[in-house]
């Protein structure tokens, strides 16, 4: 949820400044990843501080936060501002809603563990934010919200932080152009 501050910065800052800020965060994340994957002392201290925050597959590979800042940077680089910001909010708010609702009220689960209730929560939050964000038409908001929710729900090979932001943003942008 704290990552919602970055889309606000992208919305308010001039594009070059937003890209520079996100680019700086991306470089810092990649350097941190390099150090923790290559240097024993860095891995020890990194895991000591973050072990409870990481999923098991992130301990030996890239952390979700690194994928997130990469997705944010690419969205700000590739998409128009309203599309980039909404794509970022899909993961910041929609994914968080899916996790919270799915864990608390999720009863109907897919074979891979995610719940239909979480899927519905992600869609509802994504759509609400899309309808409230200036510069996004409601049909595009509807299609982008559905795409982002499905990309979070389905067990696809790419990290969900990357696929929700870029995939949801791509559908939103294509729908906005249509």
N, C-alpha and C. Protein backbone atom coordinates (compact mmCIF):
# COMPACT_ATOMS: atom_id res chain seq x y z
N UNK A 1 0.82 -1.19 0.00
CA UNK A 1 0.00 0.00 0.00
C UNK A 1 0.87 1.27 0.00
N UNK A 2 2.06 1.19 0.59
CA UNK A 2 2.93 2.37 0.62
C UNK A 2 3.37 2.77 -0.78
N UNK A 3 3.32 1.82 -1.71
CA UNK A 3 3.74 2.13 -3.08
C UNK A 3 2.74 3.03 -3.80
N UNK A 4 1.63 3.35 -3.18
CA UNK A 4 0.65 4.26 -3.78
C UNK A 4 1.20 5.69 -3.82
N UNK A 5 2.18 6.00 -3.01
CA UNK A 5 2.78 7.34 -3.03
C UNK A 5 3.52 7.60 -4.34
N UNK A 6 4.10 6.59 -4.93
CA UNK A 6 4.84 6.78 -6.18
C UNK A 6 3.93 7.19 -7.35
N UNK A 7 2.76 6.57 -7.54
CA UNK A 7 1.87 7.07 -8.59
C UNK A 7 1.45 8.52 -8.37
N UNK A 8 1.29 8.91 -7.13
CA UNK A 8 0.95 10.31 -6.85
C UNK A 8 2.07 11.23 -7.32
N UNK A 9 3.31 10.83 -7.09
CA UNK A 9 4.45 11.61 -7.57
C UNK A 9 4.50 11.67 -9.08
N UNK A 10 4.17 10.56 -9.74
CA UNK A 10 4.14 10.53 -11.21
C UNK A 10 3.03 11.45 -11.74
N UNK A 11 1.92 11.50 -11.02
CA UNK A 11 0.80 12.35 -11.42
C UNK A 11 1.16 13.83 -11.30
N UNK A 12 1.85 14.18 -10.22
CA UNK A 12 2.10 15.59 -9.91
C UNK A 12 3.39 16.14 -10.53
N UNK A 13 4.40 15.32 -10.66
CA UNK A 13 5.72 15.80 -11.12
C UNK A 13 5.77 15.91 -12.64
N UNK A 14 6.59 16.80 -13.16
CA UNK A 14 6.83 16.80 -14.61
C UNK A 14 7.43 15.45 -15.02
N UNK A 15 7.10 15.00 -16.23
CA UNK A 15 7.52 13.68 -16.70
C UNK A 15 9.02 13.42 -16.53
N UNK A 16 9.90 14.35 -16.94
CA UNK A 16 11.34 14.07 -16.77
C UNK A 16 11.74 13.86 -15.31
N UNK A 17 11.14 14.61 -14.41
CA UNK A 17 11.45 14.45 -13.00
C UNK A 17 10.93 13.11 -12.47
N UNK A 18 9.73 12.74 -12.88
CA UNK A 18 9.16 11.45 -12.46
C UNK A 18 10.02 10.30 -12.97
N UNK A 19 10.44 10.38 -14.23
CA UNK A 19 11.29 9.32 -14.78
C UNK A 19 12.64 9.27 -14.08
N UNK A 20 13.20 10.42 -13.77
CA UNK A 20 14.49 10.46 -13.07
C UNK A 20 14.36 9.85 -11.67
N UNK A 21 13.29 10.18 -10.98
CA UNK A 21 13.08 9.63 -9.64
C UNK A 21 12.89 8.12 -9.68
N UNK A 22 12.03 7.66 -10.58
CA UNK A 22 11.81 6.22 -10.69
C UNK A 22 13.06 5.51 -11.19
N UNK A 23 13.79 6.14 -12.10
CA UNK A 23 15.04 5.56 -12.58
C UNK A 23 16.06 5.43 -11.46
N UNK A 24 16.15 6.42 -10.61
CA UNK A 24 17.05 6.35 -9.45
C UNK A 24 16.66 5.22 -8.51
N UNK A 25 15.35 5.08 -8.26
CA UNK A 25 14.89 3.98 -7.42
C UNK A 25 15.20 2.63 -8.05
N UNK A 26 15.06 2.55 -9.37
CA UNK A 26 15.34 1.30 -10.07
C UNK A 26 16.83 0.94 -9.97
N UNK A 27 17.69 1.91 -10.18
CA UNK A 27 19.13 1.66 -10.05
C UNK A 27 19.46 1.20 -8.63
N UNK A 28 18.90 1.86 -7.63
CA UNK A 28 19.14 1.46 -6.24
C UNK A 28 18.64 0.04 -5.98
N UNK A 29 17.48 -0.30 -6.51
CA UNK A 29 16.93 -1.65 -6.32
C UNK A 29 17.81 -2.70 -6.99
N UNK A 30 18.25 -2.40 -8.21
CA UNK A 30 19.10 -3.37 -8.93
C UNK A 30 20.46 -3.53 -8.25
N UNK A 31 21.02 -2.46 -7.74
CA UNK A 31 22.28 -2.58 -7.00
C UNK A 31 22.11 -3.39 -5.72
N UNK A 32 20.99 -3.18 -5.05
CA UNK A 32 20.69 -3.96 -3.84
C UNK A 32 20.55 -5.43 -4.19
N UNK A 33 19.83 -5.72 -5.27
CA UNK A 33 19.67 -7.12 -5.70
C UNK A 33 21.02 -7.73 -6.04
N UNK A 34 21.85 -7.01 -6.79
CA UNK A 34 23.16 -7.53 -7.15
C UNK A 34 23.96 -7.86 -5.88
N UNK A 35 23.96 -6.93 -4.94
CA UNK A 35 24.74 -7.14 -3.71
C UNK A 35 24.21 -8.33 -2.92
N UNK A 36 22.91 -8.43 -2.75
CA UNK A 36 22.39 -9.51 -1.92
C UNK A 36 22.52 -10.87 -2.60
N UNK A 37 22.54 -10.91 -3.93
CA UNK A 37 22.68 -12.19 -4.62
C UNK A 37 24.14 -12.59 -4.83
N UNK A 38 25.07 -11.64 -4.69
CA UNK A 38 26.48 -11.92 -4.97
C UNK A 38 27.38 -11.87 -3.73
N UNK A 39 27.00 -11.09 -2.73
CA UNK A 39 27.86 -10.89 -1.57
C UNK A 39 27.21 -11.49 -0.33
N UNK A 40 27.94 -12.40 0.30
CA UNK A 40 27.39 -13.14 1.45
C UNK A 40 26.97 -12.21 2.57
N UNK A 41 27.78 -11.22 2.94
CA UNK A 41 27.45 -10.32 4.03
C UNK A 41 26.22 -9.46 3.70
N UNK A 42 26.07 -9.06 2.43
CA UNK A 42 24.90 -8.27 2.03
C UNK A 42 23.64 -9.13 2.10
N UNK A 43 23.75 -10.39 1.65
CA UNK A 43 22.60 -11.31 1.71
C UNK A 43 22.18 -11.52 3.15
N UNK A 44 23.15 -11.72 4.05
CA UNK A 44 22.85 -11.93 5.46
C UNK A 44 22.08 -10.74 6.03
N UNK A 45 22.59 -9.54 5.83
CA UNK A 45 21.95 -8.35 6.41
C UNK A 45 20.60 -8.07 5.73
N UNK A 46 20.53 -8.27 4.43
CA UNK A 46 19.26 -8.05 3.73
C UNK A 46 18.19 -9.00 4.25
N UNK A 47 18.51 -10.29 4.34
CA UNK A 47 17.52 -11.26 4.81
C UNK A 47 17.20 -11.07 6.29
N UNK A 48 18.16 -10.63 7.07
CA UNK A 48 17.90 -10.37 8.49
C UNK A 48 16.83 -9.28 8.65
N UNK A 49 16.87 -8.29 7.76
CA UNK A 49 15.92 -7.18 7.84
C UNK A 49 14.59 -7.46 7.13
N UNK A 50 14.59 -8.31 6.13
CA UNK A 50 13.40 -8.45 5.28
C UNK A 50 12.80 -9.85 5.24
N UNK A 51 13.35 -10.80 5.95
CA UNK A 51 12.92 -12.20 5.82
C UNK A 51 11.41 -12.37 5.93
N UNK A 52 10.76 -11.68 6.86
CA UNK A 52 9.32 -11.85 7.03
C UNK A 52 8.52 -11.17 5.92
N UNK A 53 9.14 -10.28 5.16
CA UNK A 53 8.44 -9.57 4.10
C UNK A 53 8.52 -10.30 2.75
N UNK A 54 9.50 -11.18 2.60
CA UNK A 54 9.73 -11.84 1.32
C UNK A 54 8.96 -13.15 1.22
N UNK A 55 8.46 -13.42 0.01
CA UNK A 55 7.90 -14.74 -0.27
C UNK A 55 9.07 -15.70 -0.53
N UNK A 56 8.83 -16.98 -0.43
CA UNK A 56 9.93 -17.95 -0.50
C UNK A 56 10.72 -17.84 -1.81
N UNK A 57 10.05 -17.64 -2.93
CA UNK A 57 10.76 -17.57 -4.22
C UNK A 57 11.57 -16.27 -4.37
N UNK A 58 11.30 -15.27 -3.53
CA UNK A 58 12.05 -14.02 -3.61
C UNK A 58 13.38 -14.09 -2.87
N UNK A 59 13.54 -15.07 -2.01
CA UNK A 59 14.78 -15.15 -1.23
C UNK A 59 15.98 -15.48 -2.11
N UNK A 60 15.77 -16.26 -3.17
CA UNK A 60 16.87 -16.62 -4.05
C UNK A 60 16.84 -15.91 -5.39
N UNK A 61 15.82 -15.12 -5.62
CA UNK A 61 15.69 -14.39 -6.88
C UNK A 61 15.38 -12.93 -6.60
N UNK A 62 14.89 -12.25 -7.62
CA UNK A 62 14.57 -10.83 -7.44
C UNK A 62 13.37 -10.66 -6.50
N UNK A 63 13.43 -9.64 -5.69
CA UNK A 63 12.33 -9.34 -4.77
C UNK A 63 11.18 -8.67 -5.52
N UNK A 64 9.99 -8.83 -5.02
CA UNK A 64 8.82 -8.22 -5.63
C UNK A 64 8.94 -6.71 -5.73
N UNK A 65 9.60 -6.09 -4.77
CA UNK A 65 9.78 -4.63 -4.79
C UNK A 65 10.62 -4.19 -5.99
N UNK A 66 11.58 -5.00 -6.39
CA UNK A 66 12.40 -4.67 -7.56
C UNK A 66 11.55 -4.75 -8.82
N UNK A 67 10.75 -5.80 -8.93
CA UNK A 67 9.83 -5.90 -10.07
C UNK A 67 8.85 -4.72 -10.08
N UNK A 68 8.43 -4.30 -8.90
CA UNK A 68 7.47 -3.20 -8.80
C UNK A 68 8.07 -1.90 -9.31
N UNK A 69 9.27 -1.56 -8.88
CA UNK A 69 9.88 -0.30 -9.33
C UNK A 69 10.23 -0.39 -10.82
N UNK A 70 10.59 -1.56 -11.32
CA UNK A 70 10.82 -1.73 -12.76
C UNK A 70 9.52 -1.49 -13.53
N UNK A 71 8.43 -2.07 -13.05
CA UNK A 71 7.13 -1.89 -13.70
C UNK A 71 6.69 -0.43 -13.67
N UNK A 72 6.89 0.24 -12.54
CA UNK A 72 6.53 1.65 -12.43
C UNK A 72 7.34 2.50 -13.41
N UNK A 73 8.64 2.24 -13.49
CA UNK A 73 9.49 3.00 -14.40
C UNK A 73 9.05 2.78 -15.84
N UNK A 74 8.82 1.53 -16.23
CA UNK A 74 8.40 1.24 -17.61
C UNK A 74 7.03 1.84 -17.92
N UNK A 75 6.12 1.79 -16.97
CA UNK A 75 4.80 2.37 -17.18
C UNK A 75 4.90 3.88 -17.40
N UNK A 76 5.70 4.55 -16.57
CA UNK A 76 5.87 6.00 -16.71
C UNK A 76 6.57 6.35 -18.02
N UNK A 77 7.44 5.47 -18.48
CA UNK A 77 8.17 5.69 -19.73
C UNK A 77 7.29 5.44 -20.96
N UNK A 78 6.47 4.40 -20.91
CA UNK A 78 5.74 3.94 -22.10
C UNK A 78 4.33 4.50 -22.26
N UNK A 79 3.65 4.76 -21.17
CA UNK A 79 2.24 5.12 -21.23
C UNK A 79 2.02 6.61 -20.99
N UNK A 80 0.90 7.14 -21.50
CA UNK A 80 0.51 8.50 -21.12
C UNK A 80 0.26 8.56 -19.60
N UNK A 81 0.39 9.74 -19.03
CA UNK A 81 0.32 9.89 -17.57
C UNK A 81 -0.91 9.24 -16.92
N UNK A 82 -2.15 9.49 -17.38
CA UNK A 82 -3.29 8.85 -16.69
C UNK A 82 -3.23 7.33 -16.75
N UNK A 83 -2.79 6.79 -17.87
CA UNK A 83 -2.69 5.32 -18.01
C UNK A 83 -1.60 4.79 -17.09
N UNK A 84 -0.45 5.45 -17.05
CA UNK A 84 0.66 5.00 -16.20
C UNK A 84 0.24 5.02 -14.72
N UNK A 85 -0.38 6.09 -14.30
CA UNK A 85 -0.78 6.20 -12.89
C UNK A 85 -1.82 5.16 -12.54
N UNK A 86 -2.82 4.97 -13.39
CA UNK A 86 -3.84 3.97 -13.09
C UNK A 86 -3.24 2.57 -13.10
N UNK A 87 -2.33 2.28 -14.02
CA UNK A 87 -1.68 0.97 -14.05
C UNK A 87 -0.90 0.73 -12.75
N UNK A 88 -0.28 1.77 -12.23
CA UNK A 88 0.43 1.65 -10.95
C UNK A 88 -0.54 1.41 -9.80
N UNK A 89 -1.68 2.07 -9.85
CA UNK A 89 -2.67 1.91 -8.79
C UNK A 89 -3.33 0.52 -8.83
N UNK A 90 -3.34 -0.11 -10.01
CA UNK A 90 -3.86 -1.47 -10.09
C UNK A 90 -3.10 -2.39 -9.14
N UNK A 91 -1.80 -2.25 -9.08
CA UNK A 91 -1.02 -3.12 -8.20
C UNK A 91 -1.01 -2.58 -6.77
N UNK A 92 -0.96 -1.26 -6.62
CA UNK A 92 -0.89 -0.68 -5.29
C UNK A 92 -2.17 -0.84 -4.49
N UNK A 93 -3.31 -0.72 -5.17
CA UNK A 93 -4.61 -0.82 -4.48
C UNK A 93 -5.36 -2.11 -4.81
N UNK A 94 -5.45 -2.43 -6.09
CA UNK A 94 -6.21 -3.62 -6.50
C UNK A 94 -5.60 -4.91 -5.99
N UNK A 95 -4.29 -5.05 -6.13
CA UNK A 95 -3.61 -6.25 -5.65
C UNK A 95 -3.71 -6.35 -4.13
N UNK A 96 -3.58 -5.22 -3.45
CA UNK A 96 -3.71 -5.22 -1.99
C UNK A 96 -5.13 -5.64 -1.57
N UNK A 97 -6.13 -5.13 -2.28
CA UNK A 97 -7.52 -5.51 -1.97
C UNK A 97 -7.73 -7.00 -2.20
N UNK A 98 -7.17 -7.53 -3.28
CA UNK A 98 -7.30 -8.96 -3.57
C UNK A 98 -6.70 -9.79 -2.44
N UNK A 99 -5.52 -9.39 -1.97
CA UNK A 99 -4.86 -10.14 -0.91
C UNK A 99 -5.64 -10.07 0.40
N UNK A 100 -6.09 -8.87 0.77
CA UNK A 100 -6.80 -8.71 2.04
C UNK A 100 -8.14 -9.45 2.03
N UNK A 101 -8.92 -9.25 0.97
CA UNK A 101 -10.23 -9.91 0.89
C UNK A 101 -10.07 -11.41 0.72
N UNK A 102 -9.12 -11.81 -0.13
CA UNK A 102 -8.91 -13.24 -0.36
C UNK A 102 -8.50 -13.98 0.89
N UNK A 103 -7.64 -13.38 1.69
CA UNK A 103 -7.21 -14.04 2.94
C UNK A 103 -8.32 -14.07 3.98
N UNK A 104 -9.08 -12.99 4.06
CA UNK A 104 -10.10 -12.90 5.11
C UNK A 104 -11.39 -13.62 4.75
N UNK A 105 -11.89 -13.40 3.51
CA UNK A 105 -13.20 -13.94 3.13
C UNK A 105 -13.16 -14.92 1.98
N UNK A 106 -11.98 -15.22 1.49
CA UNK A 106 -11.87 -16.12 0.33
C UNK A 106 -12.31 -17.53 0.66
N UNK A 107 -13.35 -17.99 0.01
CA UNK A 107 -13.88 -19.35 0.22
C UNK A 107 -13.75 -20.20 -1.04
N UNK A 108 -14.00 -19.61 -2.18
CA UNK A 108 -13.92 -20.36 -3.45
C UNK A 108 -12.55 -20.13 -4.05
N UNK A 109 -11.72 -21.15 -3.98
CA UNK A 109 -10.32 -21.01 -4.39
C UNK A 109 -10.05 -21.78 -5.67
N UNK A 110 -9.17 -21.19 -6.47
CA UNK A 110 -8.68 -21.87 -7.66
C UNK A 110 -7.63 -22.89 -7.21
N UNK A 111 -7.25 -23.80 -8.11
CA UNK A 111 -6.26 -24.82 -7.77
C UNK A 111 -4.94 -24.22 -7.30
N UNK A 112 -4.61 -23.02 -7.77
CA UNK A 112 -3.33 -22.40 -7.41
C UNK A 112 -3.43 -21.54 -6.16
N UNK A 113 -4.58 -21.55 -5.47
CA UNK A 113 -4.70 -20.93 -4.16
C UNK A 113 -5.37 -19.58 -4.09
N UNK A 114 -5.49 -18.87 -5.19
CA UNK A 114 -6.12 -17.55 -5.14
C UNK A 114 -7.64 -17.72 -5.14
N UNK A 115 -8.32 -16.74 -4.53
CA UNK A 115 -9.76 -16.87 -4.37
C UNK A 115 -10.52 -15.99 -5.37
N UNK A 116 -11.74 -16.44 -5.68
CA UNK A 116 -12.62 -15.65 -6.53
C UNK A 116 -13.06 -14.37 -5.83
N UNK A 117 -13.15 -14.41 -4.50
CA UNK A 117 -13.50 -13.21 -3.75
C UNK A 117 -12.40 -12.16 -3.88
N UNK A 118 -11.16 -12.60 -3.85
CA UNK A 118 -10.03 -11.69 -4.05
C UNK A 118 -10.03 -11.11 -5.45
N UNK A 119 -10.35 -11.94 -6.43
CA UNK A 119 -10.46 -11.47 -7.82
C UNK A 119 -11.53 -10.39 -7.93
N UNK A 120 -12.67 -10.62 -7.31
CA UNK A 120 -13.75 -9.64 -7.34
C UNK A 120 -13.36 -8.33 -6.66
N UNK A 121 -12.64 -8.44 -5.55
CA UNK A 121 -12.19 -7.24 -4.84
C UNK A 121 -11.20 -6.45 -5.69
N UNK A 122 -10.28 -7.14 -6.34
CA UNK A 122 -9.31 -6.45 -7.20
C UNK A 122 -10.03 -5.74 -8.33
N UNK A 123 -10.98 -6.41 -8.96
CA UNK A 123 -11.73 -5.79 -10.06
C UNK A 123 -12.49 -4.56 -9.57
N UNK A 124 -13.19 -4.69 -8.45
CA UNK A 124 -14.00 -3.58 -7.94
C UNK A 124 -13.13 -2.36 -7.60
N UNK A 125 -12.02 -2.59 -6.93
CA UNK A 125 -11.13 -1.48 -6.56
C UNK A 125 -10.51 -0.87 -7.81
N UNK A 126 -10.03 -1.71 -8.72
CA UNK A 126 -9.43 -1.20 -9.97
C UNK A 126 -10.43 -0.36 -10.75
N UNK A 127 -11.67 -0.83 -10.84
CA UNK A 127 -12.69 -0.09 -11.58
C UNK A 127 -13.03 1.22 -10.89
N UNK A 128 -13.19 1.20 -9.59
CA UNK A 128 -13.51 2.42 -8.84
C UNK A 128 -12.42 3.48 -9.04
N UNK A 129 -11.18 3.07 -8.90
CA UNK A 129 -10.07 4.01 -9.07
C UNK A 129 -10.04 4.52 -10.50
N UNK A 130 -10.30 3.65 -11.47
CA UNK A 130 -10.32 4.06 -12.88
C UNK A 130 -11.43 5.05 -13.18
N UNK A 131 -12.57 4.87 -12.54
CA UNK A 131 -13.68 5.78 -12.76
C UNK A 131 -13.44 7.14 -12.09
N UNK A 132 -12.65 7.15 -11.03
CA UNK A 132 -12.37 8.39 -10.31
C UNK A 132 -11.19 9.18 -10.88
N UNK A 133 -10.32 8.52 -11.61
CA UNK A 133 -9.12 9.19 -12.11
C UNK A 133 -9.45 10.03 -13.35
N UNK A 134 -9.12 11.30 -13.32
CA UNK A 134 -9.39 12.15 -14.49
C UNK A 134 -8.59 11.68 -15.71
N UNK A 135 -9.22 11.79 -16.86
CA UNK A 135 -8.54 11.45 -18.10
C UNK A 135 -8.71 10.01 -18.55
N UNK A 136 -9.57 9.24 -17.86
CA UNK A 136 -9.80 7.85 -18.23
C UNK A 136 -11.29 7.66 -18.51
N UNK A 137 -11.62 7.24 -19.73
CA UNK A 137 -13.02 6.99 -20.10
C UNK A 137 -13.51 5.71 -19.43
N UNK A 138 -14.80 5.65 -19.14
CA UNK A 138 -15.32 4.50 -18.39
C UNK A 138 -15.17 3.17 -19.12
N UNK A 139 -15.32 3.09 -20.46
CA UNK A 139 -15.10 1.77 -21.08
C UNK A 139 -13.65 1.29 -20.93
N UNK A 140 -12.72 2.22 -21.05
CA UNK A 140 -11.31 1.86 -20.87
C UNK A 140 -11.05 1.46 -19.42
N UNK A 141 -11.65 2.18 -18.49
CA UNK A 141 -11.50 1.85 -17.07
C UNK A 141 -12.02 0.44 -16.79
N UNK A 142 -13.14 0.09 -17.40
CA UNK A 142 -13.73 -1.23 -17.21
C UNK A 142 -12.82 -2.33 -17.75
N UNK A 143 -12.32 -2.16 -18.97
CA UNK A 143 -11.46 -3.18 -19.57
C UNK A 143 -10.12 -3.27 -18.86
N UNK A 144 -9.53 -2.13 -18.51
CA UNK A 144 -8.26 -2.15 -17.79
C UNK A 144 -8.39 -2.81 -16.44
N UNK A 145 -9.47 -2.52 -15.72
CA UNK A 145 -9.71 -3.11 -14.40
C UNK A 145 -9.85 -4.63 -14.51
N UNK A 146 -10.59 -5.09 -15.50
CA UNK A 146 -10.77 -6.53 -15.69
C UNK A 146 -9.45 -7.21 -16.04
N UNK A 147 -8.69 -6.61 -16.95
CA UNK A 147 -7.41 -7.19 -17.35
C UNK A 147 -6.45 -7.27 -16.17
N UNK A 148 -6.33 -6.18 -15.41
CA UNK A 148 -5.42 -6.16 -14.27
C UNK A 148 -5.82 -7.19 -13.22
N UNK A 149 -7.12 -7.30 -12.94
CA UNK A 149 -7.59 -8.27 -11.94
C UNK A 149 -7.29 -9.70 -12.39
N UNK A 150 -7.54 -9.99 -13.66
CA UNK A 150 -7.26 -11.33 -14.18
C UNK A 150 -5.77 -11.63 -14.19
N UNK A 151 -4.95 -10.64 -14.54
CA UNK A 151 -3.51 -10.85 -14.56
C UNK A 151 -2.95 -11.08 -13.16
N UNK A 152 -3.61 -10.53 -12.15
CA UNK A 152 -3.20 -10.79 -10.77
C UNK A 152 -3.66 -12.17 -10.33
N UNK A 153 -4.83 -12.58 -10.78
CA UNK A 153 -5.44 -13.83 -10.35
C UNK A 153 -4.82 -15.07 -10.98
N UNK A 154 -4.53 -15.01 -12.26
CA UNK A 154 -4.06 -16.19 -12.99
C UNK A 154 -2.62 -16.54 -12.66
N UNK A 155 -2.29 -17.83 -12.65
CA UNK A 155 -0.91 -18.25 -12.32
C UNK A 155 -0.01 -18.20 -13.56
N UNK A 156 0.35 -17.01 -13.96
CA UNK A 156 1.17 -16.82 -15.15
C UNK A 156 2.64 -16.74 -14.75
N UNK A 157 3.55 -16.99 -15.69
CA UNK A 157 4.96 -17.13 -15.32
C UNK A 157 5.68 -15.86 -14.87
N UNK A 158 5.28 -14.71 -15.31
CA UNK A 158 5.97 -13.47 -14.97
C UNK A 158 5.51 -12.96 -13.60
N UNK A 159 6.37 -12.28 -12.86
CA UNK A 159 6.01 -11.73 -11.56
C UNK A 159 4.75 -10.86 -11.68
N UNK A 160 3.83 -11.01 -10.74
CA UNK A 160 2.55 -10.30 -10.84
C UNK A 160 2.71 -8.78 -10.77
N UNK A 161 3.71 -8.28 -10.07
CA UNK A 161 3.92 -6.83 -10.04
C UNK A 161 4.19 -6.29 -11.44
N UNK A 162 4.93 -7.02 -12.22
CA UNK A 162 5.26 -6.60 -13.58
C UNK A 162 4.07 -6.79 -14.52
N UNK A 163 3.45 -7.96 -14.46
CA UNK A 163 2.38 -8.24 -15.43
C UNK A 163 1.11 -7.44 -15.16
N UNK A 164 0.79 -7.15 -13.91
CA UNK A 164 -0.42 -6.37 -13.62
C UNK A 164 -0.25 -4.93 -14.10
N UNK A 165 0.89 -4.33 -13.78
CA UNK A 165 1.12 -2.93 -14.16
C UNK A 165 1.21 -2.81 -15.68
N UNK A 166 2.06 -3.60 -16.30
CA UNK A 166 2.28 -3.45 -17.74
C UNK A 166 1.14 -4.04 -18.57
N UNK A 167 0.62 -5.19 -18.17
CA UNK A 167 -0.49 -5.80 -18.91
C UNK A 167 -1.78 -5.02 -18.73
N UNK A 168 -2.10 -4.66 -17.49
CA UNK A 168 -3.29 -3.86 -17.24
C UNK A 168 -3.18 -2.50 -17.91
N UNK A 169 -1.99 -1.89 -17.84
CA UNK A 169 -1.78 -0.60 -18.50
C UNK A 169 -1.89 -0.70 -20.01
N UNK A 170 -1.38 -1.77 -20.60
CA UNK A 170 -1.46 -1.94 -22.06
C UNK A 170 -2.91 -2.08 -22.52
N UNK A 171 -3.70 -2.86 -21.79
CA UNK A 171 -5.12 -3.01 -22.15
C UNK A 171 -5.84 -1.68 -21.96
N UNK A 172 -5.56 -0.99 -20.87
CA UNK A 172 -6.17 0.31 -20.61
C UNK A 172 -5.83 1.30 -21.73
N UNK A 173 -4.58 1.33 -22.13
CA UNK A 173 -4.13 2.26 -23.19
C UNK A 173 -4.76 1.90 -24.52
N UNK A 174 -4.78 0.62 -24.86
CA UNK A 174 -5.40 0.19 -26.13
C UNK A 174 -6.89 0.55 -26.14
N UNK A 175 -7.56 0.33 -25.01
CA UNK A 175 -8.99 0.65 -24.92
C UNK A 175 -9.21 2.17 -25.01
N UNK A 176 -8.28 2.93 -24.45
CA UNK A 176 -8.39 4.39 -24.51
C UNK A 176 -8.23 4.89 -25.94
N UNK A 177 -7.41 4.22 -26.71
CA UNK A 177 -7.18 4.62 -28.11
C UNK A 177 -8.33 4.22 -29.02
N UNK A 178 -9.05 3.17 -28.63
CA UNK A 178 -10.14 2.63 -29.48
C UNK A 178 -11.38 3.52 -29.46
